[in-house]
Amino acid sequence: MTTQPRLKDWDRRLARVTEEHLATPGEWGVSDCIVTAAACVAAVTGVDIMAPWRGRYKTEAGAARLMRKEGCANVEDVLGKLFGLPPIGRLMARRGDLVVVERNCQLCAGYICEYGAAVKTETGLVFLPQTETRSAFRVGI
């Protein structure tokens, strides 16, 4: 995945993802944190990293079961599995890269955008300082 080139217009496509998800409430399997992070990857590279997972869960418990079935303990493991690489330094992340943050004692996937680390919640996107990220994954070259 990290060797996939960034699309020519990735920055505009990423801005559209942020706009679309800004007020879209989180819904398991439709617009949860990992689905939103995958939308970032699709905007930047054109690759749907969620293809093997899409449609396989509809609830938080279903997502947890699928993660366990795929050998993942948490969202950070999911991103590692999808990318097949270890995380990069969290402060090395640039716009369009994925991040993991801890919110309310849970790990959540997000992405770096012009407003900081964008993370999906029940009500839409929230933006956190990049210093609050736990890990990061490079998206595209």
Protein backbone atom coordinates (compact mmCIF):
# COMPACT_ATOMS: atom_id res chain seq x y z
CA MET A 1 0.00 0.00 0.00
CA THR A 2 2.70 2.53 0.84
CA THR A 3 4.22 2.07 -2.62
CA GLN A 4 0.94 3.08 -4.29
CA PRO A 5 1.42 6.57 -5.75
CA ARG A 6 -0.73 9.46 -4.60
CA LEU A 7 -3.23 10.62 -7.20
CA LYS A 8 -2.56 13.90 -8.96
CA ASP A 9 -5.55 15.62 -7.30
CA TRP A 10 -5.35 13.79 -3.94
CA ASP A 11 -5.42 17.00 -1.91
CA ARG A 12 -8.76 18.15 -3.37
CA ARG A 13 -10.19 14.63 -3.07
CA LEU A 14 -9.09 14.49 0.59
CA ALA A 15 -10.75 17.86 1.29
CA ARG A 16 -14.01 16.46 -0.16
CA VAL A 17 -13.78 13.43 2.17
CA THR A 18 -13.42 15.78 5.13
CA GLU A 19 -16.39 17.87 3.99
CA GLU A 20 -18.55 14.78 3.40
CA HIS A 21 -17.78 13.24 6.79
CA LEU A 22 -17.80 16.44 8.83
CA ALA A 23 -21.42 16.17 9.95
CA THR A 24 -22.14 12.58 8.92
CA PRO A 25 -22.80 10.62 12.11
CA GLY A 26 -20.77 7.50 12.81
CA GLU A 27 -22.54 4.27 11.89
CA TRP A 28 -20.91 0.85 12.27
CA GLY A 29 -19.89 -0.61 8.92
CA VAL A 30 -21.05 2.49 7.04
CA SER A 31 -19.23 5.53 8.41
CA ASP A 32 -17.30 4.37 11.48
CA CYS A 33 -13.69 5.39 12.14
CA ILE A 34 -12.06 2.69 9.99
CA VAL A 35 -14.47 3.25 7.08
CA THR A 36 -13.75 6.98 7.24
CA ALA A 37 -9.99 6.36 7.33
CA ALA A 38 -10.41 4.05 4.32
CA ALA A 39 -12.21 6.87 2.48
CA CYS A 40 -9.09 8.95 3.07
CA VAL A 41 -6.91 6.23 1.53
CA ALA A 42 -9.24 5.96 -1.47
CA ALA A 43 -9.11 9.72 -1.95
CA VAL A 44 -5.31 9.80 -1.79
CA THR A 45 -4.46 6.63 -3.76
CA GLY A 46 -7.66 5.39 -5.39
CA VAL A 47 -7.33 2.06 -3.52
CA ASP A 48 -10.21 0.70 -1.41
CA ILE A 49 -8.42 -0.87 1.58
CA MET A 50 -11.81 -1.76 3.13
CA ALA A 51 -12.83 -4.07 0.26
CA PRO A 52 -12.08 -7.28 2.23
CA TRP A 53 -13.99 -5.95 5.29
CA ARG A 54 -16.85 -4.02 3.69
CA GLY A 55 -20.32 -5.38 4.48
CA ARG A 56 -19.02 -7.90 7.05
CA TYR A 57 -20.21 -6.06 10.19
CA LYS A 58 -23.03 -3.73 11.25
CA THR A 59 -22.45 -3.30 14.99
CA GLU A 60 -19.60 -2.62 17.38
CA ALA A 61 -19.72 -6.25 18.52
CA GLY A 62 -19.67 -7.39 14.89
CA ALA A 63 -16.62 -5.21 14.20
CA ALA A 64 -14.86 -6.68 17.24
CA ARG A 65 -15.68 -10.23 16.10
CA LEU A 66 -14.36 -9.53 12.61
CA MET A 67 -11.16 -8.03 14.01
CA ARG A 68 -10.59 -11.10 16.18
CA LYS A 69 -11.38 -13.42 13.26
CA GLU A 70 -8.78 -11.59 11.18
CA GLY A 71 -6.22 -11.87 13.99
CA CYS A 72 -6.42 -8.24 15.10
CA ALA A 73 -6.85 -7.05 18.67
CA ASN A 74 -7.71 -3.43 17.79
CA VAL A 75 -7.90 -0.80 15.06
CA GLU A 76 -4.14 -0.28 15.15
CA ASP A 77 -3.66 -3.97 14.31
CA VAL A 78 -6.22 -3.67 11.49
CA LEU A 79 -4.30 -0.82 9.88
CA GLY A 80 -1.04 -2.73 10.30
CA LYS A 81 -2.60 -5.78 8.64
CA LEU A 82 -4.09 -3.77 5.77
CA PHE A 83 -0.77 -2.03 5.15
CA GLY A 84 1.45 -4.99 5.95
CA LEU A 85 4.00 -2.65 7.51
CA PRO A 86 4.77 -1.28 10.96
CA PRO A 87 3.59 2.23 11.77
CA ILE A 88 5.75 5.27 11.03
CA GLY A 89 6.64 7.84 13.69
CA ARG A 90 3.40 9.49 14.76
CA LEU A 91 4.78 13.00 14.32
CA MET A 92 6.09 12.08 10.85
CA ALA A 93 2.54 11.78 9.50
CA ARG A 94 1.61 14.20 6.75
CA ARG A 95 -1.72 15.15 5.22
CA GLY A 96 -3.42 12.05 3.87
CA ASP A 97 -1.65 9.61 6.21
CA LEU A 98 -3.64 7.49 8.66
CA VAL A 99 -3.35 7.78 12.42
CA VAL A 100 -4.62 6.00 15.50
CA VAL A 101 -5.77 7.94 18.55
CA GLU A 102 -7.07 6.87 21.93
CA ARG A 103 -10.50 8.30 22.78
CA ASN A 104 -12.61 7.26 25.73
CA CYS A 105 -10.29 4.29 26.42
CA GLN A 106 -10.69 2.97 22.84
CA LEU A 107 -8.42 3.14 19.82
CA CYS A 108 -9.86 4.96 16.81
CA ALA A 109 -8.56 5.31 13.25
CA GLY A 110 -8.33 8.72 11.63
CA TYR A 111 -6.32 10.66 9.11
CA ILE A 112 -4.27 13.82 8.94
CA CYS A 113 -5.94 16.72 7.16
CA GLU A 114 -5.47 20.48 7.11
CA TYR A 115 -7.22 20.74 10.51
CA GLY A 116 -5.14 18.11 12.31
CA ALA A 117 -6.04 14.50 13.05
CA ALA A 118 -9.60 13.89 11.81
CA VAL A 119 -11.40 11.14 13.74
CA LYS A 120 -14.99 9.93 13.27
CA THR A 121 -17.29 10.02 16.29
CA GLU A 122 -20.97 9.30 16.79
CA THR A 123 -21.82 12.85 15.63
CA GLY A 124 -19.26 13.43 12.87
CA LEU A 125 -15.59 14.30 12.58
CA VAL A 126 -13.56 15.80 15.39
CA PHE A 127 -10.14 17.31 14.90
CA LEU A 128 -7.32 16.66 17.34
CA PRO A 129 -3.75 17.92 17.47
CA GLN A 130 -1.31 15.55 15.80
CA THR A 131 0.52 15.30 19.13
CA GLU A 132 -2.48 13.32 20.46
CA THR A 133 -1.95 10.52 17.94
CA ARG A 134 -0.66 7.16 19.09
CA SER A 135 0.66 5.83 15.78
CA ALA A 136 0.63 6.66 12.07
CA PHE A 137 0.72 4.84 8.74
CA ARG A 138 2.10 6.29 5.50
CA VAL A 139 -0.42 6.47 2.66
CA GLY A 140 1.05 6.65 -0.83
CA ILE A 141 4.37 7.90 -2.09
